[in-house]
């Protein structure tokens, strides 16, 4: 490929390990990973700050991938091609799709990610892993700084995360301690997104 014609990709916190003398020409993010018997993680609501532009967020092992779909759908390359038919000697402009993948690969977790959700504002993403660790990190800046990290937000894996409409509170659902019958209980609680202070705990449900 002609490297001089390829656009360079910006460096942010997700690819800061790339040496400055080796700029990125292309990005190939990993595909979603699956675990048998467990749901796949997908989110596509980028929030008000991002203009609700089309994105898709998923997990692949310990990393979280956010792909900007608008850059892949909108970019087209117009090239001039010769019409080889003898009846027409003109030049035809043909539109060929030339998608450029734009994605963020977040590496803030040390265990398999089990849930990730955009805040309604679009400024933050809350993500949890199989060890019960919760991270709330910024999406609206290049540093993607972590606003909150709780090593043991849940006793077991965090199974689902939900934001309130003000982007101030988080509802966490995950695996709790073993019940009297020997079955694992489902734990659910609400916390502040920036301090981790518990706002309330919902009643446990035994798995059926």
N, C-alpha and C. Protein backbone atom coordinates (compact mmCIF):
# COMPACT_ATOMS: atom_id res chain seq x y z
N UNK A 1 0.82 -1.20 0.00
CA UNK A 1 0.00 0.00 0.00
C UNK A 1 0.86 1.25 0.00
N UNK A 2 0.35 2.29 -0.60
CA UNK A 2 1.05 3.57 -0.63
C UNK A 2 0.81 4.29 0.68
N UNK A 3 1.81 4.31 1.55
CA UNK A 3 1.65 4.88 2.89
C UNK A 3 1.40 6.38 2.83
N UNK A 4 1.91 7.07 1.77
CA UNK A 4 1.75 8.51 1.70
C UNK A 4 0.31 8.92 1.47
N UNK A 5 -0.51 8.03 0.90
CA UNK A 5 -1.91 8.35 0.61
C UNK A 5 -2.83 7.96 1.76
N UNK A 6 -2.33 7.22 2.74
CA UNK A 6 -3.18 6.77 3.85
C UNK A 6 -3.17 7.82 4.96
N UNK A 7 -4.33 8.06 5.52
CA UNK A 7 -4.45 9.05 6.58
C UNK A 7 -3.93 8.48 7.89
N UNK A 8 -3.28 9.34 8.66
CA UNK A 8 -2.73 8.92 9.93
C UNK A 8 -3.82 9.00 11.01
N UNK A 9 -3.75 8.09 11.96
CA UNK A 9 -4.71 8.05 13.06
C UNK A 9 -4.14 8.78 14.27
N UNK A 10 -5.02 9.46 15.00
CA UNK A 10 -4.60 10.19 16.18
C UNK A 10 -4.24 9.21 17.30
N UNK A 11 -3.33 9.64 18.15
CA UNK A 11 -2.90 8.84 19.30
C UNK A 11 -3.64 9.33 20.53
N UNK A 12 -4.25 8.41 21.25
CA UNK A 12 -4.91 8.75 22.50
C UNK A 12 -4.51 7.72 23.55
N UNK A 13 -5.25 7.70 24.67
CA UNK A 13 -4.88 6.81 25.77
C UNK A 13 -5.00 5.34 25.41
N UNK A 14 -5.82 5.02 24.41
CA UNK A 14 -6.03 3.62 24.05
C UNK A 14 -4.87 3.05 23.23
N UNK A 15 -4.09 3.90 22.57
CA UNK A 15 -2.98 3.40 21.77
C UNK A 15 -1.69 4.15 22.07
N UNK A 16 -1.57 4.66 23.29
CA UNK A 16 -0.41 5.46 23.68
C UNK A 16 0.88 4.64 23.71
N UNK A 17 0.75 3.30 23.68
CA UNK A 17 1.94 2.47 23.70
C UNK A 17 2.63 2.42 22.34
N UNK A 18 1.98 2.97 21.31
CA UNK A 18 2.59 2.99 19.98
C UNK A 18 3.69 4.05 19.95
N UNK A 19 4.91 3.71 19.54
CA UNK A 19 6.00 4.70 19.50
C UNK A 19 5.65 5.86 18.56
N UNK A 20 6.08 7.09 18.90
CA UNK A 20 5.80 8.25 18.03
C UNK A 20 6.39 8.13 16.64
N UNK A 21 7.51 7.40 16.52
CA UNK A 21 8.14 7.26 15.21
C UNK A 21 7.49 6.17 14.36
N UNK A 22 6.42 5.55 14.86
CA UNK A 22 5.68 4.54 14.11
C UNK A 22 4.20 4.88 14.13
N UNK A 23 3.80 5.93 13.39
CA UNK A 23 2.40 6.37 13.42
C UNK A 23 1.46 5.30 12.87
N UNK A 24 0.22 5.33 13.35
CA UNK A 24 -0.78 4.36 12.92
C UNK A 24 -1.33 4.74 11.56
N UNK A 25 -1.34 3.78 10.64
CA UNK A 25 -1.94 3.97 9.33
C UNK A 25 -3.30 3.32 9.24
N UNK A 26 -3.54 2.30 10.04
CA UNK A 26 -4.81 1.58 10.00
C UNK A 26 -5.07 0.98 11.38
N UNK A 27 -6.34 0.76 11.67
CA UNK A 27 -6.75 0.22 12.96
C UNK A 27 -7.66 -0.97 12.72
N UNK A 28 -7.35 -2.09 13.36
CA UNK A 28 -8.15 -3.29 13.23
C UNK A 28 -8.53 -3.76 14.64
N UNK A 29 -9.62 -3.25 15.19
CA UNK A 29 -10.00 -3.62 16.56
C UNK A 29 -10.44 -5.07 16.65
N UNK A 30 -10.33 -5.69 17.82
CA UNK A 30 -10.76 -7.08 17.97
C UNK A 30 -12.27 -7.21 17.88
N UNK A 31 -12.73 -8.39 17.55
CA UNK A 31 -14.15 -8.69 17.46
C UNK A 31 -14.69 -9.06 18.85
N UNK A 32 -16.01 -9.02 19.02
CA UNK A 32 -16.57 -9.39 20.34
C UNK A 32 -16.23 -10.83 20.70
N UNK A 33 -15.96 -11.04 21.99
CA UNK A 33 -15.72 -12.38 22.49
C UNK A 33 -16.98 -12.89 23.18
N UNK A 34 -17.15 -14.19 23.19
CA UNK A 34 -18.34 -14.79 23.77
C UNK A 34 -17.96 -15.86 24.78
N UNK A 35 -18.86 -16.08 25.72
CA UNK A 35 -18.72 -17.15 26.71
C UNK A 35 -20.00 -17.97 26.67
N UNK A 36 -19.86 -19.24 26.60
CA UNK A 36 -21.02 -20.12 26.47
C UNK A 36 -21.95 -19.95 27.68
N UNK A 37 -23.23 -19.73 27.37
CA UNK A 37 -24.24 -19.61 28.43
C UNK A 37 -24.37 -18.22 29.00
N UNK A 38 -23.60 -17.24 28.48
CA UNK A 38 -23.68 -15.87 28.98
C UNK A 38 -24.00 -14.92 27.83
N UNK A 39 -24.73 -13.84 28.11
CA UNK A 39 -25.09 -12.90 27.04
C UNK A 39 -23.90 -12.09 26.56
N UNK A 40 -23.96 -11.64 25.32
CA UNK A 40 -22.94 -10.76 24.77
C UNK A 40 -23.23 -9.32 25.20
N UNK A 41 -22.19 -8.52 25.30
CA UNK A 41 -22.31 -7.14 25.73
C UNK A 41 -22.33 -6.23 24.51
N UNK A 42 -23.42 -5.49 24.34
CA UNK A 42 -23.49 -4.51 23.26
C UNK A 42 -24.22 -3.28 23.77
N UNK A 43 -23.75 -2.11 23.36
CA UNK A 43 -24.43 -0.85 23.67
C UNK A 43 -24.21 0.09 22.49
N UNK A 44 -25.25 0.80 22.10
CA UNK A 44 -25.12 1.69 20.95
C UNK A 44 -25.67 3.08 21.19
N UNK A 45 -25.95 3.43 22.45
CA UNK A 45 -26.48 4.76 22.76
C UNK A 45 -25.33 5.64 23.23
N UNK A 46 -24.85 6.50 22.35
CA UNK A 46 -23.65 7.29 22.65
C UNK A 46 -23.92 8.51 23.51
N UNK A 47 -25.18 8.89 23.70
CA UNK A 47 -25.50 9.98 24.62
C UNK A 47 -25.65 11.34 23.96
N UNK A 48 -26.12 12.30 24.77
CA UNK A 48 -26.43 13.63 24.25
C UNK A 48 -25.18 14.39 23.82
N UNK A 49 -24.10 14.30 24.58
CA UNK A 49 -22.88 15.03 24.25
C UNK A 49 -22.32 14.63 22.89
N UNK A 50 -22.49 13.38 22.53
CA UNK A 50 -21.97 12.87 21.27
C UNK A 50 -22.97 12.98 20.13
N UNK A 51 -24.08 13.69 20.36
CA UNK A 51 -25.07 13.89 19.32
C UNK A 51 -25.78 12.62 18.90
N UNK A 52 -25.79 11.61 19.77
CA UNK A 52 -26.42 10.32 19.47
C UNK A 52 -25.89 9.72 18.17
N UNK A 53 -24.62 10.00 17.85
CA UNK A 53 -24.08 9.45 16.62
C UNK A 53 -23.94 7.93 16.74
N UNK A 54 -24.04 7.22 15.63
CA UNK A 54 -24.05 5.76 15.70
C UNK A 54 -22.71 5.18 16.13
N UNK A 55 -22.73 4.42 17.20
CA UNK A 55 -21.56 3.71 17.70
C UNK A 55 -22.01 2.32 18.12
N UNK A 56 -21.06 1.45 18.32
CA UNK A 56 -21.33 0.15 18.92
C UNK A 56 -20.19 -0.14 19.90
N UNK A 57 -20.58 -0.53 21.11
CA UNK A 57 -19.60 -0.83 22.15
C UNK A 57 -19.76 -2.30 22.56
N UNK A 58 -18.64 -2.99 22.66
CA UNK A 58 -18.68 -4.40 23.06
C UNK A 58 -17.38 -4.73 23.77
N UNK A 59 -17.34 -5.91 24.36
CA UNK A 59 -16.14 -6.34 25.08
C UNK A 59 -15.47 -7.48 24.33
N UNK A 60 -14.17 -7.56 24.53
CA UNK A 60 -13.37 -8.65 23.99
C UNK A 60 -12.37 -9.04 25.06
N UNK A 61 -12.74 -10.00 25.88
CA UNK A 61 -11.88 -10.37 26.99
C UNK A 61 -11.78 -9.25 28.02
N UNK A 62 -10.57 -8.74 28.23
CA UNK A 62 -10.34 -7.70 29.23
C UNK A 62 -10.48 -6.29 28.67
N UNK A 63 -10.69 -6.14 27.37
CA UNK A 63 -10.75 -4.81 26.77
C UNK A 63 -12.17 -4.48 26.34
N UNK A 64 -12.42 -3.17 26.17
CA UNK A 64 -13.70 -2.67 25.69
C UNK A 64 -13.44 -1.92 24.39
N UNK A 65 -14.23 -2.21 23.38
CA UNK A 65 -14.07 -1.60 22.07
C UNK A 65 -15.29 -0.73 21.78
N UNK A 66 -15.04 0.53 21.40
CA UNK A 66 -16.11 1.44 20.97
C UNK A 66 -15.80 1.83 19.53
N UNK A 67 -16.64 1.39 18.60
CA UNK A 67 -16.44 1.68 17.18
C UNK A 67 -17.37 2.78 16.73
N UNK A 68 -16.80 3.77 16.04
CA UNK A 68 -17.57 4.87 15.49
C UNK A 68 -18.09 4.45 14.11
N UNK A 69 -19.37 4.13 14.05
CA UNK A 69 -19.93 3.61 12.80
C UNK A 69 -20.09 4.68 11.74
N UNK A 70 -20.26 5.95 12.16
CA UNK A 70 -20.48 7.01 11.18
C UNK A 70 -19.29 7.17 10.25
N UNK A 71 -18.08 7.03 10.76
CA UNK A 71 -16.89 7.17 9.92
C UNK A 71 -16.78 6.04 8.92
N UNK A 72 -17.33 4.87 9.24
CA UNK A 72 -17.27 3.74 8.33
C UNK A 72 -18.37 3.82 7.27
N UNK A 73 -19.50 4.45 7.61
CA UNK A 73 -20.61 4.50 6.67
C UNK A 73 -20.52 5.68 5.72
N UNK A 74 -19.92 6.81 6.16
CA UNK A 74 -19.98 8.04 5.40
C UNK A 74 -18.82 8.24 4.44
N UNK A 75 -17.66 7.67 4.75
CA UNK A 75 -16.48 7.95 3.94
C UNK A 75 -16.54 7.17 2.63
N UNK A 76 -16.51 7.88 1.52
CA UNK A 76 -16.45 7.26 0.20
C UNK A 76 -15.33 7.91 -0.59
N UNK A 77 -14.77 7.15 -1.49
CA UNK A 77 -13.68 7.62 -2.32
C UNK A 77 -14.14 7.61 -3.77
N UNK A 78 -14.08 8.78 -4.42
CA UNK A 78 -14.48 8.89 -5.81
C UNK A 78 -13.24 8.78 -6.69
N UNK A 79 -13.25 7.80 -7.59
CA UNK A 79 -12.10 7.57 -8.46
C UNK A 79 -12.57 7.63 -9.90
N UNK A 80 -11.64 7.98 -10.77
CA UNK A 80 -11.94 8.05 -12.21
C UNK A 80 -11.53 6.75 -12.87
N UNK A 81 -12.45 6.14 -13.62
CA UNK A 81 -12.17 4.89 -14.31
C UNK A 81 -12.51 5.04 -15.78
N UNK A 82 -11.74 4.41 -16.62
CA UNK A 82 -11.96 4.44 -18.06
C UNK A 82 -13.06 3.46 -18.45
N UNK A 83 -13.99 3.92 -19.25
CA UNK A 83 -15.03 3.05 -19.78
C UNK A 83 -14.47 2.31 -20.98
N UNK A 84 -14.42 1.00 -20.92
CA UNK A 84 -13.78 0.20 -21.96
C UNK A 84 -14.71 -0.13 -23.13
N UNK A 85 -15.99 0.25 -23.03
CA UNK A 85 -16.92 -0.06 -24.13
C UNK A 85 -16.61 0.85 -25.32
N UNK A 86 -16.69 0.35 -26.55
CA UNK A 86 -16.34 1.15 -27.74
C UNK A 86 -17.36 2.24 -28.03
N UNK A 87 -18.57 2.14 -27.48
CA UNK A 87 -19.60 3.13 -27.77
C UNK A 87 -19.42 4.41 -26.98
N UNK A 88 -18.61 4.37 -25.97
CA UNK A 88 -18.43 5.55 -25.12
C UNK A 88 -16.95 5.70 -24.80
N UNK A 89 -16.41 6.85 -25.14
CA UNK A 89 -14.99 7.07 -24.88
C UNK A 89 -14.75 8.01 -23.74
N UNK A 90 -15.80 8.31 -22.96
CA UNK A 90 -15.67 9.26 -21.87
C UNK A 90 -15.10 8.63 -20.61
N UNK A 91 -15.00 9.47 -19.61
CA UNK A 91 -14.52 9.05 -18.29
C UNK A 91 -15.69 8.99 -17.32
N UNK A 92 -15.80 7.90 -16.62
CA UNK A 92 -16.90 7.69 -15.69
C UNK A 92 -16.37 7.82 -14.26
N UNK A 93 -17.08 8.60 -13.47
CA UNK A 93 -16.73 8.72 -12.06
C UNK A 93 -17.46 7.64 -11.28
N UNK A 94 -16.73 6.76 -10.67
CA UNK A 94 -17.32 5.67 -9.91
C UNK A 94 -17.06 5.90 -8.43
N UNK A 95 -18.09 5.73 -7.62
CA UNK A 95 -17.97 5.90 -6.17
C UNK A 95 -17.67 4.54 -5.55
N UNK A 96 -16.52 4.44 -4.92
CA UNK A 96 -16.14 3.20 -4.28
C UNK A 96 -16.03 3.43 -2.77
N UNK A 97 -16.61 2.52 -2.02
CA UNK A 97 -16.57 2.64 -0.57
C UNK A 97 -15.16 2.39 -0.05
N UNK A 98 -14.67 3.31 0.76
CA UNK A 98 -13.33 3.18 1.34
C UNK A 98 -13.45 3.45 2.84
N UNK A 99 -14.00 2.51 3.60
CA UNK A 99 -14.24 2.76 5.02
C UNK A 99 -12.94 2.87 5.81
N UNK A 100 -12.92 3.78 6.76
CA UNK A 100 -11.79 3.94 7.66
C UNK A 100 -12.28 3.64 9.06
N UNK A 101 -11.74 2.63 9.66
CA UNK A 101 -12.20 2.21 10.98
C UNK A 101 -11.67 3.18 12.04
N UNK A 102 -12.59 3.71 12.83
CA UNK A 102 -12.23 4.56 13.94
C UNK A 102 -12.79 3.94 15.20
N UNK A 103 -11.92 3.60 16.12
CA UNK A 103 -12.37 2.88 17.31
C UNK A 103 -11.48 3.22 18.49
N UNK A 104 -12.06 3.04 19.67
CA UNK A 104 -11.34 3.18 20.93
C UNK A 104 -11.23 1.80 21.56
N UNK A 105 -10.03 1.40 21.94
CA UNK A 105 -9.81 0.14 22.64
C UNK A 105 -9.36 0.47 24.05
N UNK A 106 -10.25 0.25 25.01
CA UNK A 106 -9.99 0.63 26.41
C UNK A 106 -9.44 -0.58 27.16
N UNK A 107 -8.31 -0.36 27.86
CA UNK A 107 -7.61 -1.45 28.53
C UNK A 107 -7.53 -1.25 30.04
N UNK A 108 -8.59 -0.74 30.64
CA UNK A 108 -8.56 -0.42 32.06
C UNK A 108 -8.82 -1.57 33.00
N UNK A 109 -9.29 -2.71 32.48
CA UNK A 109 -9.64 -3.85 33.34
C UNK A 109 -8.56 -4.92 33.30
N UNK A 110 -8.47 -5.66 34.40
CA UNK A 110 -7.50 -6.76 34.50
C UNK A 110 -8.18 -8.12 34.48
N UNK A 111 -9.51 -8.14 34.31
CA UNK A 111 -10.26 -9.39 34.22
C UNK A 111 -11.29 -9.24 33.09
N UNK A 112 -11.93 -10.33 32.76
CA UNK A 112 -12.89 -10.32 31.65
C UNK A 112 -14.06 -9.37 31.92
N UNK A 113 -14.32 -8.49 30.99
CA UNK A 113 -15.38 -7.49 31.13
C UNK A 113 -16.73 -8.17 30.91
N UNK A 114 -17.68 -7.89 31.81
CA UNK A 114 -18.99 -8.52 31.74
C UNK A 114 -20.12 -7.52 31.48
N UNK A 115 -19.84 -6.21 31.59
CA UNK A 115 -20.88 -5.22 31.33
C UNK A 115 -20.23 -3.87 31.06
N UNK A 116 -20.87 -3.08 30.17
CA UNK A 116 -20.39 -1.73 29.86
C UNK A 116 -21.56 -0.93 29.30
N UNK A 117 -21.75 0.30 29.82
CA UNK A 117 -22.87 1.13 29.38
C UNK A 117 -22.46 2.60 29.31
N UNK A 118 -22.92 3.28 28.26
CA UNK A 118 -22.78 4.72 28.14
C UNK A 118 -23.72 5.41 29.12
N UNK A 119 -23.28 6.54 29.67
CA UNK A 119 -24.18 7.38 30.44
C UNK A 119 -25.09 8.13 29.46
N UNK A 120 -26.32 8.51 29.87
CA UNK A 120 -27.20 9.25 28.97
C UNK A 120 -26.58 10.55 28.46
N UNK A 121 -25.70 11.16 29.26
CA UNK A 121 -25.03 12.38 28.82
C UNK A 121 -23.98 12.09 27.76
N UNK A 122 -23.46 10.88 27.72
CA UNK A 122 -22.41 10.52 26.77
C UNK A 122 -21.02 10.85 27.24
N UNK A 123 -20.89 11.43 28.43
CA UNK A 123 -19.57 11.83 28.94
C UNK A 123 -18.80 10.66 29.55
N UNK A 124 -19.51 9.68 30.10
CA UNK A 124 -18.85 8.59 30.83
C UNK A 124 -19.33 7.23 30.34
N UNK A 125 -18.50 6.24 30.61
CA UNK A 125 -18.84 4.84 30.40
C UNK A 125 -18.58 4.11 31.72
N UNK A 126 -19.54 3.34 32.16
CA UNK A 126 -19.39 2.50 33.35
C UNK A 126 -19.20 1.06 32.89
N UNK A 127 -18.18 0.40 33.41
CA UNK A 127 -17.89 -0.96 33.00
C UNK A 127 -17.54 -1.80 34.22
N UNK A 128 -17.91 -3.06 34.16
CA UNK A 128 -17.63 -3.99 35.24
C UNK A 128 -17.07 -5.29 34.71
N UNK A 129 -16.39 -6.03 35.58
CA UNK A 129 -15.77 -7.28 35.13
C UNK A 129 -16.19 -8.45 36.00
N UNK A 130 -15.63 -9.59 35.71
CA UNK A 130 -16.04 -10.84 36.35
C UNK A 130 -15.59 -10.90 37.81
N UNK A 131 -14.66 -10.07 38.22
CA UNK A 131 -14.19 -10.04 39.60
C UNK A 131 -14.96 -9.04 40.46
N UNK A 132 -15.96 -8.37 39.89
CA UNK A 132 -16.75 -7.41 40.65
C UNK A 132 -16.18 -6.01 40.67
N UNK A 133 -15.17 -5.74 39.85
CA UNK A 133 -14.59 -4.40 39.80
C UNK A 133 -15.41 -3.49 38.89
N UNK A 134 -15.65 -2.28 39.36
CA UNK A 134 -16.38 -1.28 38.59
C UNK A 134 -15.46 -0.12 38.27
N UNK A 135 -15.52 0.35 37.03
CA UNK A 135 -14.78 1.53 36.61
C UNK A 135 -15.72 2.47 35.87
N UNK A 136 -15.68 3.74 36.23
CA UNK A 136 -16.41 4.79 35.54
C UNK A 136 -15.37 5.71 34.93
N UNK A 137 -15.31 5.77 33.62
CA UNK A 137 -14.23 6.50 32.93
C UNK A 137 -14.80 7.41 31.86
N UNK A 138 -14.04 8.46 31.58
CA UNK A 138 -14.49 9.50 30.65
C UNK A 138 -14.36 9.04 29.21
N UNK A 139 -15.38 9.37 28.41
CA UNK A 139 -15.33 9.08 26.98
C UNK A 139 -15.16 10.35 26.15
N UNK A 140 -15.40 11.51 26.76
CA UNK A 140 -15.43 12.76 25.99
C UNK A 140 -14.08 13.47 25.97
N UNK A 141 -12.99 12.81 26.37
CA UNK A 141 -11.65 13.41 26.24
C UNK A 141 -10.66 12.33 25.85
N UNK A 142 -9.53 12.74 25.32
CA UNK A 142 -8.54 11.80 24.79
C UNK A 142 -7.84 10.99 25.87
N UNK A 143 -7.81 11.50 27.11
CA UNK A 143 -7.12 10.79 28.19
C UNK A 143 -7.96 9.65 28.76
N UNK A 144 -9.29 9.74 28.63
CA UNK A 144 -10.21 8.72 29.15
C UNK A 144 -9.91 8.42 30.62
N UNK A 145 -9.83 9.49 31.41
CA UNK A 145 -9.48 9.36 32.81
C UNK A 145 -10.57 8.63 33.58
N UNK A 146 -10.14 7.88 34.59
CA UNK A 146 -11.06 7.12 35.42
C UNK A 146 -11.63 8.02 36.52
N UNK A 147 -12.95 8.14 36.57
CA UNK A 147 -13.61 8.96 37.58
C UNK A 147 -13.85 8.18 38.87
N UNK A 148 -14.13 6.89 38.76
CA UNK A 148 -14.40 6.06 39.93
C UNK A 148 -13.93 4.64 39.66
N UNK A 149 -13.29 4.05 40.65
CA UNK A 149 -12.88 2.65 40.57
C UNK A 149 -13.17 1.98 41.90
N UNK A 150 -13.98 0.93 41.87
CA UNK A 150 -14.31 0.13 43.05
C UNK A 150 -13.85 -1.30 42.79
N UNK A 151 -12.89 -1.76 43.58
CA UNK A 151 -12.35 -3.10 43.36
C UNK A 151 -13.37 -4.19 43.67
N UNK A 152 -14.26 -3.93 44.63
CA UNK A 152 -15.25 -4.94 45.01
C UNK A 152 -16.62 -4.30 45.08
N UNK A 153 -17.07 -3.79 43.94
CA UNK A 153 -18.42 -3.22 43.88
C UNK A 153 -19.46 -4.31 44.08
N UNK A 154 -19.14 -5.53 43.67
CA UNK A 154 -19.99 -6.69 43.86
C UNK A 154 -19.15 -7.83 44.43
N UNK A 155 -19.83 -8.75 45.12
CA UNK A 155 -19.12 -9.91 45.65
C UNK A 155 -18.59 -10.78 44.52
N UNK A 156 -19.42 -10.93 43.49
CA UNK A 156 -19.02 -11.71 42.31
C UNK A 156 -19.01 -10.84 41.07
N UNK A 157 -19.28 -11.46 39.94
CA UNK A 157 -19.24 -10.75 38.66
C UNK A 157 -20.36 -9.73 38.57
N UNK A 158 -20.06 -8.59 37.94
CA UNK A 158 -21.08 -7.58 37.64
C UNK A 158 -21.76 -8.00 36.34
N UNK A 159 -23.07 -8.26 36.41
CA UNK A 159 -23.79 -8.79 35.26
C UNK A 159 -24.45 -7.69 34.42
N UNK A 160 -24.84 -6.59 35.03
CA UNK A 160 -25.50 -5.54 34.27
C UNK A 160 -25.33 -4.21 34.99
N UNK A 161 -25.33 -3.13 34.21
CA UNK A 161 -25.19 -1.76 34.74
C UNK A 161 -26.23 -0.89 34.06
N UNK A 162 -26.85 -0.01 34.83
CA UNK A 162 -27.82 0.92 34.26
C UNK A 162 -27.63 2.29 34.90
N UNK A 163 -27.72 3.35 34.08
CA UNK A 163 -27.61 4.73 34.54
C UNK A 163 -28.99 5.32 34.75
N UNK A 164 -29.09 6.32 35.65
CA UNK A 164 -30.31 7.11 35.71
C UNK A 164 -30.23 8.19 34.63
N UNK A 165 -31.33 8.86 34.35
CA UNK A 165 -31.39 9.81 33.25
C UNK A 165 -30.54 11.06 33.50
N UNK A 166 -30.18 11.33 34.76
CA UNK A 166 -29.33 12.47 35.07
C UNK A 166 -27.85 12.14 35.03
N UNK A 167 -27.52 10.89 34.75
CA UNK A 167 -26.12 10.43 34.71
C UNK A 167 -25.41 10.66 36.04
N UNK A 168 -26.13 10.49 37.14
CA UNK A 168 -25.57 10.71 38.47
C UNK A 168 -25.53 9.43 39.31
N UNK A 169 -26.36 8.46 38.99
CA UNK A 169 -26.44 7.24 39.78
C UNK A 169 -26.34 6.02 38.87
N UNK A 170 -25.84 4.95 39.47
CA UNK A 170 -25.68 3.68 38.76
C UNK A 170 -26.41 2.58 39.52
N UNK A 171 -27.09 1.74 38.77
CA UNK A 171 -27.69 0.54 39.34
C UNK A 171 -26.87 -0.66 38.88
N UNK A 172 -26.34 -1.40 39.85
CA UNK A 172 -25.48 -2.55 39.55
C UNK A 172 -26.22 -3.84 39.91
N UNK A 173 -26.10 -4.81 39.04
CA UNK A 173 -26.66 -6.14 39.28
C UNK A 173 -25.54 -7.14 39.07
N UNK A 174 -25.39 -8.04 40.05
CA UNK A 174 -24.32 -9.01 39.94
C UNK A 174 -24.49 -10.18 40.87
N UNK A 175 -23.49 -11.03 40.89
CA UNK A 175 -23.53 -12.23 41.72
C UNK A 175 -23.19 -11.87 43.16
N UNK A 176 -24.06 -12.30 44.09
CA UNK A 176 -23.83 -12.06 45.50
C UNK A 176 -23.29 -13.30 46.21
N UNK A 177 -23.40 -13.28 47.51
CA UNK A 177 -22.92 -14.41 48.31
C UNK A 177 -23.86 -15.60 48.18
N UNK A 178 -23.39 -16.75 48.58
CA UNK A 178 -24.19 -17.97 48.53
C UNK A 178 -25.30 -17.90 49.57
N UNK A 179 -26.50 -18.31 49.18
CA UNK A 179 -27.62 -18.31 50.08
C UNK A 179 -27.64 -19.53 50.98
N UNK A 180 -28.67 -19.62 51.84
CA UNK A 180 -28.77 -20.74 52.78
C UNK A 180 -28.97 -22.06 52.05
N UNK A 181 -29.60 -21.99 50.86
CA UNK A 181 -29.85 -23.21 50.09
C UNK A 181 -28.64 -23.64 49.27
N UNK A 182 -27.59 -22.83 49.31
CA UNK A 182 -26.40 -23.16 48.54
C UNK A 182 -26.37 -22.56 47.17
N UNK A 183 -27.44 -21.84 46.79
CA UNK A 183 -27.49 -21.19 45.48
C UNK A 183 -26.97 -19.76 45.59
N UNK A 184 -26.34 -19.30 44.52
CA UNK A 184 -25.84 -17.93 44.49
C UNK A 184 -27.01 -16.95 44.37
N UNK A 185 -26.96 -15.86 45.13
CA UNK A 185 -28.00 -14.85 45.08
C UNK A 185 -27.62 -13.75 44.10
N UNK A 186 -28.62 -13.10 43.58
CA UNK A 186 -28.41 -11.96 42.71
C UNK A 186 -28.45 -10.69 43.56
N UNK A 187 -27.39 -9.92 43.51
CA UNK A 187 -27.25 -8.70 44.30
C UNK A 187 -27.54 -7.49 43.43
N UNK A 188 -28.23 -6.51 43.99
CA UNK A 188 -28.58 -5.31 43.23
C UNK A 188 -28.50 -4.10 44.15
N UNK A 189 -27.79 -3.06 43.72
CA UNK A 189 -27.69 -1.85 44.54
C UNK A 189 -27.49 -0.63 43.66
N UNK A 190 -27.75 0.53 44.23
CA UNK A 190 -27.63 1.81 43.53
C UNK A 190 -26.55 2.63 44.22
N UNK A 191 -25.64 3.22 43.43
CA UNK A 191 -24.53 4.00 43.98
C UNK A 191 -24.39 5.31 43.21
N UNK A 192 -23.68 6.26 43.82
CA UNK A 192 -23.31 7.51 43.15
C UNK A 192 -22.18 7.22 42.17
N UNK A 193 -22.27 7.82 40.99
CA UNK A 193 -21.31 7.50 39.93
C UNK A 193 -19.90 8.01 40.22
N UNK A 194 -19.77 9.05 41.05
CA UNK A 194 -18.46 9.67 41.25
C UNK A 194 -17.82 9.33 42.60
N UNK A 195 -18.64 8.93 43.58
CA UNK A 195 -18.10 8.63 44.92
C UNK A 195 -18.23 7.16 45.28
N UNK A 196 -19.17 6.46 44.66
CA UNK A 196 -19.40 5.07 45.00
C UNK A 196 -20.23 4.87 46.24
N UNK A 197 -20.74 5.96 46.82
CA UNK A 197 -21.57 5.86 48.01
C UNK A 197 -22.88 5.16 47.66
N UNK A 198 -23.26 4.20 48.48
CA UNK A 198 -24.47 3.43 48.23
C UNK A 198 -25.71 4.26 48.53
N UNK A 199 -26.61 4.33 47.57
CA UNK A 199 -27.88 5.03 47.76
C UNK A 199 -28.98 4.10 48.25
N UNK A 200 -28.80 2.82 48.08
CA UNK A 200 -29.81 1.85 48.51
C UNK A 200 -29.49 0.49 47.94
N UNK A 201 -29.97 -0.53 48.65
CA UNK A 201 -29.78 -1.91 48.23
C UNK A 201 -31.13 -2.56 48.01
N UNK A 202 -31.30 -3.17 46.86
CA UNK A 202 -32.56 -3.84 46.54
C UNK A 202 -32.52 -5.28 47.04
N UNK A 203 -33.69 -5.83 47.26
CA UNK A 203 -33.76 -7.19 47.80
C UNK A 203 -33.14 -8.21 46.88
N UNK A 204 -32.54 -9.23 47.47
CA UNK A 204 -31.89 -10.28 46.69
C UNK A 204 -32.93 -11.22 46.13
N UNK A 205 -32.59 -11.82 44.97
CA UNK A 205 -33.44 -12.81 44.34
C UNK A 205 -32.63 -14.09 44.17
N UNK A 206 -33.21 -15.20 44.57
CA UNK A 206 -32.54 -16.48 44.35
C UNK A 206 -32.71 -16.89 42.90
N UNK A 207 -31.68 -17.47 42.36
CA UNK A 207 -31.75 -17.94 40.98
C UNK A 207 -32.70 -19.12 40.87
N UNK A 208 -33.54 -19.06 39.84
CA UNK A 208 -34.47 -20.15 39.64
C UNK A 208 -33.96 -21.13 38.60
